Amino acid sequence: MFTSEKGVVEEWLSEFKTLPETSLPNYATNLKDKSSLVSSLYKVIQEPQSELLEPVCHQLFEFYRSGEEQLLRFTLQFLPELIWCYLAVSASRNVHSSGCIEALLLGVYNLEIVDKQGHSKVLSFTIPSLSKPSVYHEPSSIGSMALTESALSQHGLSKVVYSGPHPQREMLTAQNRFEVLTFLLLCYNAALTYMPSVSLQSLCQICSRICVCGYPRQHVRKYKGISSRIPVSSGFMVQMLTGIYFAFYNGEWDLAQKALDDIIYRAQLELYPEPLLVANAIKASLPHGAMKSSKEGTRCIQVEITPTSSRISRNAVTSMSIRGHRWKRHEQPDNSNDTSELGILVIPEISVTNVAGERTGNGEKGRTLGEIDAQHIQGVQETATDPRTESKGLPEIRRQKSVRKMMEDGINSPGRVQF
């Protein structure tokens, strides 16, 4: 660590101690723009033997419990690096050099599991239903969902998952270590949209290191330092995947891709089903090319939202509309006298029944399609109107001869070809 970087950290430590409480909001707002300070603090955390590590951890904890939202997020951005340093030191069994980091992690954990009144928090999450649309899916794209009796009985019911209350911890042990670290990563993921790009880069890098240290892939990645295997839990890996999924679409494609491959590699070795399911789902949903997203502005996961237009057109043809149209056609009133006065020509219906209007017997229902076509063509060709009567509005229609009678007499219908 250079002298200039050490001077920046020492100035930051002394400045906050003499800062009046009234100017705390302005100080918190300007703090996130000090990139040189952030990089110097990362170097201090990465050196467990640094003399500045303990005062830095103490001041980061003071930021977190100050109640100022900007100071709280400033501390959260270092959380992935703090977790990696603690796990690396624990794997090397040099527990004494990680005391201040462990105290900071425990302090953040104990503050997050209670509310402002000191009562234990109970986190809840409502599992979304696939039958209702969301920004991630449309029910119509999934396919038809059969409405069974059991599905109807559960319609409108939502399943809620609860987490907590979490117990207070005084120290980290091998038994409760990943319970605490998983909850801390959950808090970090809740503030992902406020994390700077350097924090997302740190998250991807520590996820890769945790998953491959002590395995043959460590030599492929060329990671130096510890060579001991770091134990991980299934829930901890799922929380890592949550942050990596966000990093994919917010300017860290290459690092996130490498971290995702390493998590799949470790989950396969550990035979963890939950990380494998989530990681393969993320991998299958990724686009083929790298996303070129800006590192400035609001960060979010990009999804395609289908337009919220009506699925059924108002003019759609249905069985009811066809039935109504049929009845309107057959129930037209006799307005020939009114239309003649207006000079409108009404074309009456052309009957293709027998001449005498006799009813067709039951035995005649089996007429072939060719006979029906012959009747239609014969009726159209033999129907004519007199131009002299059209001017009066009283059209004359020649009486049609029975097509069946003509066919019995051996007269072929014109316009038809017999084979």
Protein backbone atom coordinates (compact mmCIF):
# COMPACT_ATOMS: atom_id res chain seq x y z
CA MET A 1 0.00 0.00 0.00
CA PHE A 2 1.41 3.35 -1.07
CA THR A 3 1.91 6.26 1.27
CA SER A 4 -0.56 8.43 -0.65
CA GLU A 5 -3.30 5.80 -0.31
CA LYS A 6 -2.54 5.43 3.37
CA GLY A 7 -2.83 9.20 3.78
CA VAL A 8 -6.26 9.21 2.08
CA VAL A 9 -7.56 6.58 4.52
CA GLU A 10 -6.14 8.35 7.58
CA GLU A 11 -7.71 11.63 6.48
CA TRP A 12 -11.06 9.89 6.04
CA LEU A 13 -10.82 8.41 9.54
CA SER A 14 -10.06 11.72 11.20
CA GLU A 15 -12.62 13.69 9.18
CA PHE A 16 -15.60 11.64 10.36
CA LYS A 17 -14.61 11.92 14.02
CA THR A 18 -14.73 15.74 13.95
CA LEU A 19 -17.84 15.93 11.75
CA PRO A 20 -20.89 17.64 13.36
CA GLU A 21 -24.13 15.69 13.23
CA THR A 22 -25.96 18.41 11.28
CA SER A 23 -23.62 18.10 8.29
CA LEU A 24 -23.88 14.30 8.17
CA PRO A 25 -26.34 14.14 5.18
CA ASN A 26 -24.13 16.33 2.98
CA TYR A 27 -21.07 14.32 3.96
CA ALA A 28 -22.84 11.05 3.07
CA THR A 29 -23.92 12.39 -0.33
CA ASN A 30 -20.40 13.48 -1.31
CA LEU A 31 -18.76 10.32 -0.01
CA LYS A 32 -19.82 8.07 -2.89
CA ASP A 33 -17.98 10.28 -5.40
CA LYS A 34 -14.59 9.75 -3.77
CA SER A 35 -13.28 6.95 -5.99
CA SER A 36 -9.70 7.26 -4.66
CA LEU A 37 -10.96 6.62 -1.12
CA VAL A 38 -12.95 3.54 -2.21
CA SER A 39 -9.95 1.97 -3.97
CA SER A 40 -7.74 2.66 -0.96
CA LEU A 41 -10.24 1.03 1.40
CA TYR A 42 -10.31 -2.08 -0.80
CA LYS A 43 -6.53 -2.38 -0.49
CA VAL A 44 -6.74 -2.04 3.29
CA ILE A 45 -9.34 -4.82 3.52
CA GLN A 46 -7.28 -7.10 1.26
CA GLU A 47 -4.31 -6.86 3.66
CA PRO A 48 -5.28 -8.69 6.87
CA GLN A 49 -2.05 -7.59 8.57
CA SER A 50 -2.61 -3.88 7.87
CA GLU A 51 -2.60 -1.62 10.90
CA LEU A 52 -5.46 0.40 9.40
CA LEU A 53 -7.82 -2.59 9.09
CA GLU A 54 -9.23 -2.38 12.61
CA PRO A 55 -10.04 1.40 12.58
CA VAL A 56 -11.50 1.04 9.06
CA CYS A 57 -13.81 -1.80 10.16
CA HIS A 58 -14.83 0.20 13.23
CA GLN A 59 -15.71 3.27 11.14
CA LEU A 60 -17.61 1.21 8.57
CA PHE A 61 -19.72 -0.18 11.41
CA GLU A 62 -20.32 3.37 12.69
CA PHE A 63 -21.55 4.28 9.20
CA TYR A 64 -23.93 1.33 9.19
CA ARG A 65 -25.57 2.08 12.52
CA SER A 66 -25.74 5.84 11.97
CA GLY A 67 -29.17 5.51 10.37
CA GLU A 68 -28.13 7.49 7.27
CA GLU A 69 -29.10 5.55 4.16
CA GLN A 70 -26.15 6.71 2.07
CA LEU A 71 -23.64 5.71 4.75
CA LEU A 72 -25.31 2.31 5.12
CA ARG A 73 -24.94 1.64 1.38
CA PHE A 74 -21.32 2.82 1.50
CA THR A 75 -20.56 0.05 3.99
CA LEU A 76 -22.57 -2.55 2.05
CA GLN A 77 -20.47 -2.12 -1.09
CA PHE A 78 -17.49 -3.69 0.70
CA LEU A 79 -19.47 -6.69 1.96
CA PRO A 80 -18.35 -9.21 -0.76
CA GLU A 81 -14.70 -8.37 -0.16
CA LEU A 82 -15.15 -8.62 3.61
CA ILE A 83 -16.78 -12.04 3.26
CA TRP A 84 -13.96 -13.29 1.04
CA CYS A 85 -11.28 -12.07 3.44
CA TYR A 86 -13.01 -13.73 6.38
CA LEU A 87 -13.43 -17.07 4.55
CA ALA A 88 -9.85 -17.00 3.28
CA VAL A 89 -8.46 -16.38 6.75
CA SER A 90 -10.74 -19.04 8.24
CA ALA A 91 -9.56 -21.59 5.64
CA SER A 92 -5.95 -20.85 6.55
CA ARG A 93 -6.86 -21.31 10.23
CA ASN A 94 -5.42 -17.92 11.15
CA VAL A 95 -8.49 -16.82 13.07
CA HIS A 96 -6.83 -14.11 15.13
CA SER A 97 -6.06 -11.92 12.10
CA SER A 98 -9.76 -11.77 11.12
CA GLY A 99 -11.16 -10.61 14.46
CA CYS A 100 -12.09 -7.10 13.35
CA ILE A 101 -13.69 -8.36 10.10
CA GLU A 102 -15.69 -10.95 12.04
CA ALA A 103 -16.86 -8.26 14.48
CA LEU A 104 -17.99 -6.05 11.59
CA LEU A 105 -19.92 -8.88 9.92
CA LEU A 106 -21.58 -9.85 13.20
CA GLY A 107 -22.47 -6.22 13.91
CA VAL A 108 -24.15 -5.78 10.52
CA TYR A 109 -26.00 -9.09 10.96
CA ASN A 110 -27.31 -8.23 14.42
CA LEU A 111 -28.49 -4.82 13.22
CA GLU A 112 -30.34 -6.26 10.22
CA ILE A 113 -32.30 -8.96 12.04
CA VAL A 114 -34.14 -6.42 14.23
CA ASP A 115 -36.25 -3.37 13.43
CA LYS A 116 -35.90 0.12 14.85
CA GLN A 117 -37.84 -0.86 17.99
CA GLY A 118 -35.52 -3.80 18.62
CA HIS A 119 -38.03 -6.51 17.67
CA SER A 120 -37.00 -9.46 15.50
CA LYS A 121 -37.75 -9.10 11.80
CA VAL A 122 -39.75 -11.67 9.88
CA LEU A 123 -39.12 -11.45 6.15
CA SER A 124 -41.90 -12.60 3.83
CA PHE A 125 -41.97 -13.41 0.13
CA THR A 126 -45.04 -14.17 -1.96
CA ILE A 127 -44.45 -16.87 -4.56
CA PRO A 128 -45.90 -15.61 -7.87
CA SER A 129 -48.52 -17.71 -9.64
CA LEU A 130 -47.86 -18.76 -13.24
CA SER A 131 -51.55 -18.33 -14.03
CA LYS A 132 -51.25 -14.55 -13.55
CA PRO A 133 -49.12 -12.33 -15.84
CA SER A 134 -46.00 -10.57 -14.62
CA VAL A 135 -43.04 -8.69 -16.11
CA TYR A 136 -41.29 -12.03 -16.56
CA HIS A 137 -43.95 -14.15 -18.29
CA GLU A 138 -47.35 -14.29 -19.97
CA PRO A 139 -49.72 -17.15 -19.06
CA SER A 140 -50.71 -17.57 -22.73
CA SER A 141 -47.12 -18.41 -23.69
CA ILE A 142 -46.98 -21.31 -21.24
CA GLY A 143 -49.84 -23.22 -22.84
CA SER A 144 -53.29 -24.30 -21.86
CA MET A 145 -53.89 -24.83 -18.15
CA ALA A 146 -56.66 -27.28 -17.44
CA LEU A 147 -59.07 -25.98 -14.81
CA THR A 148 -59.39 -29.06 -12.65
CA GLU A 149 -61.37 -29.21 -9.44
CA SER A 150 -58.23 -28.89 -7.33
CA ALA A 151 -57.02 -25.93 -9.39
CA LEU A 152 -60.35 -24.15 -8.99
CA SER A 153 -60.29 -24.72 -5.24
CA GLN A 154 -56.88 -23.05 -5.01
CA HIS A 155 -57.69 -20.23 -7.42
CA GLY A 156 -56.78 -16.84 -6.02
CA LEU A 157 -54.73 -18.27 -3.17
CA SER A 158 -51.08 -17.17 -2.93
CA LYS A 159 -48.30 -18.97 -1.10
CA VAL A 160 -46.16 -16.85 1.21
CA VAL A 161 -42.70 -17.95 2.40
CA TYR A 162 -41.39 -16.56 5.68
CA SER A 163 -37.80 -16.16 6.83
CA GLY A 164 -37.05 -15.50 10.46
CA PRO A 165 -36.96 -14.59 13.19
CA HIS A 166 -33.19 -14.97 13.19
CA PRO A 167 -31.32 -15.42 16.46
CA GLN A 168 -28.69 -13.02 17.73
CA ARG A 169 -25.09 -14.20 17.28
CA GLU A 170 -22.16 -13.32 19.50
CA MET A 171 -19.51 -15.13 17.47
CA LEU A 172 -19.11 -17.00 14.19
CA THR A 173 -18.56 -20.74 14.41
CA ALA A 174 -18.38 -23.51 11.85
CA GLN A 175 -21.99 -24.34 12.64
CA ASN A 176 -23.57 -20.89 12.16
CA ARG A 177 -21.04 -19.33 9.78
CA PHE A 178 -22.96 -19.74 6.53
CA GLU A 179 -26.27 -18.98 8.15
CA VAL A 180 -24.92 -15.52 8.97
CA LEU A 181 -23.08 -15.03 5.67
CA THR A 182 -26.12 -16.11 3.62
CA PHE A 183 -28.28 -13.55 5.40
CA LEU A 184 -25.66 -10.85 4.83
CA LEU A 185 -25.58 -11.61 1.11
CA LEU A 186 -29.38 -11.39 1.12
CA CYS A 187 -29.09 -7.85 2.54
CA TYR A 188 -26.48 -6.99 -0.08
CA ASN A 189 -28.69 -8.29 -2.91
CA ALA A 190 -31.57 -6.16 -1.64
CA ALA A 191 -29.47 -3.05 -2.38
CA LEU A 192 -27.93 -4.21 -5.68
CA THR A 193 -29.31 -1.29 -7.67
CA TYR A 194 -27.30 1.14 -5.51
CA MET A 195 -24.00 -0.75 -5.70
CA PRO A 196 -21.22 0.76 -7.88
CA SER A 197 -19.54 -1.20 -10.64
CA VAL A 198 -16.42 -1.83 -8.53
CA SER A 199 -18.57 -3.64 -5.98
CA LEU A 200 -20.18 -5.83 -8.69
CA GLN A 201 -16.71 -6.67 -9.99
CA SER A 202 -15.62 -7.65 -6.49
CA LEU A 203 -18.71 -9.85 -6.11
CA CYS A 204 -18.00 -11.78 -9.33
CA GLN A 205 -14.33 -12.24 -8.47
CA ILE A 206 -14.89 -13.52 -4.95
CA CYS A 207 -17.60 -15.93 -6.17
CA SER A 208 -15.11 -17.47 -8.60
CA ARG A 209 -12.38 -17.67 -5.97
CA ILE A 210 -14.63 -19.26 -3.33
CA CYS A 211 -15.84 -21.93 -5.76
CA VAL A 212 -12.50 -23.02 -7.29
CA CYS A 213 -9.97 -22.65 -4.49
CA GLY A 214 -8.45 -26.04 -3.69
CA TYR A 215 -9.76 -27.64 -6.90
CA PRO A 216 -8.00 -28.28 -10.26
CA ARG A 217 -9.77 -25.32 -11.84
CA GLN A 218 -7.80 -22.97 -9.59
CA HIS A 219 -4.74 -23.56 -11.79
CA VAL A 220 -6.81 -22.83 -14.90
CA ARG A 221 -7.99 -19.53 -13.43
CA LYS A 222 -4.45 -18.80 -12.19
CA TYR A 223 -5.66 -17.74 -8.75
CA LYS A 224 -2.79 -17.35 -6.31
CA GLY A 225 -2.93 -17.18 -2.57
CA ILE A 226 -4.65 -19.85 -0.54
CA SER A 227 -4.95 -23.36 -1.93
CA SER A 228 -7.30 -24.75 0.72
CA ARG A 229 -10.86 -25.67 -0.13
CA ILE A 230 -13.47 -23.27 1.23
CA PRO A 231 -16.71 -25.01 2.30
CA VAL A 232 -19.93 -23.43 1.05
CA SER A 233 -23.61 -24.09 1.62
CA SER A 234 -26.36 -24.45 -0.95
CA GLY A 235 -28.22 -21.33 0.19
CA PHE A 236 -25.04 -19.26 0.10
CA MET A 237 -24.43 -20.24 -3.52
CA VAL A 238 -28.00 -19.31 -4.48
CA GLN A 239 -27.47 -15.83 -3.02
CA MET A 240 -24.23 -15.51 -4.98
CA LEU A 241 -26.15 -16.36 -8.17
CA THR A 242 -28.66 -13.60 -7.44
CA GLY A 243 -25.94 -10.95 -7.51
CA ILE A 244 -24.23 -12.50 -10.55
CA TYR A 245 -27.48 -12.51 -12.50
CA PHE A 246 -27.77 -8.77 -11.85
CA ALA A 247 -24.15 -8.19 -12.88
CA PHE A 248 -24.76 -9.84 -16.27
CA TYR A 249 -27.04 -7.03 -17.41
CA ASN A 250 -25.19 -4.14 -15.78
CA GLY A 251 -21.85 -3.93 -17.50
CA GLU A 252 -19.99 -6.94 -16.02
CA TRP A 253 -20.75 -9.61 -18.62
CA ASP A 254 -17.31 -11.25 -18.79
CA LEU A 255 -16.74 -11.48 -15.04
CA ALA A 256 -20.29 -12.68 -14.44
CA GLN A 257 -19.93 -15.36 -17.14
CA LYS A 258 -16.76 -16.67 -15.54
CA ALA A 259 -18.34 -16.65 -12.07
CA LEU A 260 -21.43 -18.50 -13.34
CA ASP A 261 -19.29 -21.25 -14.88
CA ASP A 262 -17.32 -21.63 -11.65
CA ILE A 263 -20.48 -21.88 -9.54
CA ILE A 264 -21.87 -24.59 -11.85
CA TYR A 265 -18.52 -26.39 -11.58
CA ARG A 266 -18.60 -26.32 -7.76
CA ALA A 267 -22.31 -27.19 -7.52
CA GLN A 268 -21.72 -30.27 -9.67
CA LEU A 269 -18.90 -31.38 -7.38
CA GLU A 270 -20.98 -30.79 -4.25
CA LEU A 271 -24.17 -32.24 -5.84
CA TYR A 272 -26.23 -29.24 -4.72
CA PRO A 273 -29.58 -29.29 -6.60
CA GLU A 274 -30.73 -25.73 -5.81
CA PRO A 275 -27.64 -23.90 -7.17
CA LEU A 276 -27.60 -26.20 -10.21
CA LEU A 277 -31.25 -25.44 -10.95
CA VAL A 278 -30.83 -21.67 -10.61
CA ALA A 279 -27.49 -21.52 -12.45
CA ASN A 280 -28.69 -23.59 -15.41
CA ALA A 281 -31.88 -21.52 -15.60
CA ILE A 282 -29.79 -18.33 -15.75
CA LYS A 283 -27.48 -19.83 -18.35
CA ALA A 284 -30.40 -20.93 -20.55
CA SER A 285 -32.02 -17.48 -20.42
CA LEU A 286 -28.91 -15.52 -21.38
CA PRO A 287 -28.71 -14.01 -24.88
CA HIS A 288 -26.11 -15.37 -27.28
CA GLY A 289 -24.04 -12.18 -27.41
CA ALA A 290 -22.63 -10.04 -24.63
CA MET A 291 -24.92 -7.29 -23.40
CA LYS A 292 -23.60 -3.79 -24.01
CA SER A 293 -25.23 -1.96 -21.12
CA SER A 294 -24.18 1.37 -19.74
CA LYS A 295 -22.51 1.51 -16.36
CA GLU A 296 -24.16 4.81 -15.56
CA GLY A 297 -27.74 5.47 -14.54
CA THR A 298 -30.32 3.17 -13.01
CA ARG A 299 -29.43 -0.50 -13.07
CA CYS A 300 -32.00 -3.22 -13.58
CA ILE A 301 -32.47 -6.64 -15.12
CA GLN A 302 -33.70 -6.25 -18.67
CA VAL A 303 -36.83 -8.19 -19.60
CA GLU A 304 -39.10 -8.15 -22.63
CA ILE A 305 -42.64 -7.08 -21.79
CA THR A 306 -45.42 -8.03 -24.18
CA PRO A 307 -47.98 -5.33 -25.02
CA THR A 308 -51.04 -5.29 -22.79
CA SER A 309 -53.56 -5.27 -25.65
CA SER A 310 -56.80 -7.18 -25.62
CA ARG A 311 -56.38 -10.81 -26.58
CA ILE A 312 -59.81 -11.11 -28.28
CA SER A 313 -60.93 -8.61 -30.90
CA ARG A 314 -64.31 -6.98 -30.45
CA ASN A 315 -65.23 -7.99 -34.00
CA ALA A 316 -64.21 -11.61 -33.55
CA VAL A 317 -66.48 -14.14 -35.25
CA THR A 318 -68.08 -16.41 -32.67
CA SER A 319 -70.87 -18.95 -32.73
CA MET A 320 -73.26 -16.41 -31.19
CA SER A 321 -72.52 -13.80 -33.84
CA ILE A 322 -73.04 -16.33 -36.64
CA ARG A 323 -76.36 -17.44 -35.13
CA GLY A 324 -77.53 -13.85 -34.73
CA HIS A 325 -76.57 -13.03 -38.31
CA ARG A 326 -78.52 -16.04 -39.57
CA TRP A 327 -81.68 -15.04 -37.74
CA LYS A 328 -81.45 -11.45 -38.98
CA ARG A 329 -81.24 -12.67 -42.56
CA HIS A 330 -84.28 -14.97 -42.31
CA GLU A 331 -86.43 -12.52 -40.38
CA GLN A 332 -86.26 -9.56 -42.79
CA PRO A 333 -89.66 -7.70 -42.82
CA ASP A 334 -91.64 -7.30 -46.02
CA ASN A 335 -90.95 -3.67 -46.89
CA SER A 336 -91.46 -3.95 -50.66
CA ASN A 337 -94.08 -1.17 -50.71
CA ASP A 338 -91.86 1.23 -48.77
CA THR A 339 -88.81 0.53 -50.85
CA SER A 340 -90.68 0.97 -54.11
CA GLU A 341 -91.53 4.50 -53.12
CA LEU A 342 -87.86 5.20 -52.38
CA GLY A 343 -86.73 3.69 -55.69
CA ILE A 344 -84.75 0.90 -54.00
CA LEU A 345 -84.66 -2.46 -55.71
CA VAL A 346 -85.09 -5.39 -53.35
CA ILE A 347 -83.90 -8.75 -54.57
CA PRO A 348 -86.22 -11.40 -53.17
CA GLU A 349 -85.12 -14.85 -52.11
CA ILE A 350 -84.97 -17.46 -54.82
CA SER A 351 -86.65 -20.70 -53.80
CA VAL A 352 -85.22 -23.92 -55.08
CA THR A 353 -88.00 -26.13 -53.73
CA ASN A 354 -90.59 -27.94 -55.83
CA VAL A 355 -92.94 -25.97 -58.10
CA ALA A 356 -96.02 -26.51 -56.04
CA GLY A 357 -94.20 -25.71 -52.81
CA GLU A 358 -94.51 -29.29 -51.66
CA ARG A 359 -92.59 -30.50 -48.69
CA THR A 360 -89.66 -32.72 -49.31
CA GLY A 361 -90.07 -36.19 -47.95
CA ASN A 362 -87.74 -37.83 -45.55
CA GLY A 363 -86.43 -40.10 -48.24
CA GLU A 364 -85.19 -37.16 -50.26
CA LYS A 365 -82.70 -35.95 -47.64
CA GLY A 366 -79.96 -38.06 -49.15
CA ARG A 367 -79.57 -35.94 -52.22
CA THR A 368 -76.01 -35.73 -53.47
CA LEU A 369 -73.93 -32.58 -53.54
CA GLY A 370 -73.97 -32.62 -57.34
CA GLU A 371 -77.78 -32.38 -57.42
CA ILE A 372 -77.74 -29.42 -55.04
CA ASP A 373 -75.13 -27.65 -57.18
CA ALA A 374 -77.23 -28.36 -60.27
CA GLN A 375 -80.29 -26.83 -58.63
CA HIS A 376 -78.32 -23.72 -57.66
CA ILE A 377 -76.85 -23.17 -61.13
CA GLN A 378 -80.16 -23.95 -62.88
CA GLY A 379 -82.00 -21.49 -60.66
CA VAL A 380 -79.44 -18.74 -61.28
CA GLN A 381 -79.46 -19.21 -65.05
CA GLU A 382 -83.26 -19.42 -65.41
CA THR A 383 -83.92 -16.42 -63.19
CA ALA A 384 -84.33 -13.14 -65.06
CA THR A 385 -86.00 -9.83 -64.53
CA ASP A 386 -87.85 -7.65 -66.98
CA PRO A 387 -86.31 -4.17 -67.31
CA ARG A 388 -89.75 -2.66 -67.73
CA THR A 389 -90.89 -3.94 -64.40
CA GLU A 390 -87.71 -2.87 -62.63
CA SER A 391 -88.57 0.78 -63.15
CA LYS A 392 -91.85 0.23 -61.31
CA GLY A 393 -90.15 -1.47 -58.45
CA LEU A 394 -92.20 -4.69 -59.03
CA PRO A 395 -89.74 -7.30 -60.27
CA GLU A 396 -91.09 -10.39 -61.94
CA ILE A 397 -89.54 -13.76 -61.40
CA ARG A 398 -90.14 -16.60 -63.73
CA ARG A 399 -91.48 -19.68 -62.14
CA GLN A 400 -88.73 -22.25 -61.93
CA LYS A 401 -89.27 -25.77 -63.11
CA SER A 402 -88.36 -28.53 -60.80
CA VAL A 403 -84.78 -29.59 -61.33
CA ARG A 404 -85.65 -33.06 -60.20
CA LYS A 405 -88.46 -33.16 -62.86
CA MET A 406 -86.05 -32.09 -65.56
CA MET A 407 -83.51 -34.71 -64.57
CA GLU A 408 -86.22 -37.38 -64.61
CA ASP A 409 -87.14 -36.32 -68.20
CA GLY A 410 -83.52 -36.77 -69.25
CA ILE A 411 -82.72 -33.10 -69.70
CA ASN A 412 -79.25 -32.23 -68.52
CA SER A 413 -78.61 -29.06 -66.59
CA PRO A 414 -76.67 -26.55 -68.74
CA GLY A 415 -73.22 -25.65 -67.61
CA ARG A 416 -72.56 -29.08 -66.04
CA VAL A 417 -70.41 -31.76 -67.50
CA GLN A 418 -71.38 -35.36 -66.99
CA PHE A 419 -68.74 -38.04 -66.73
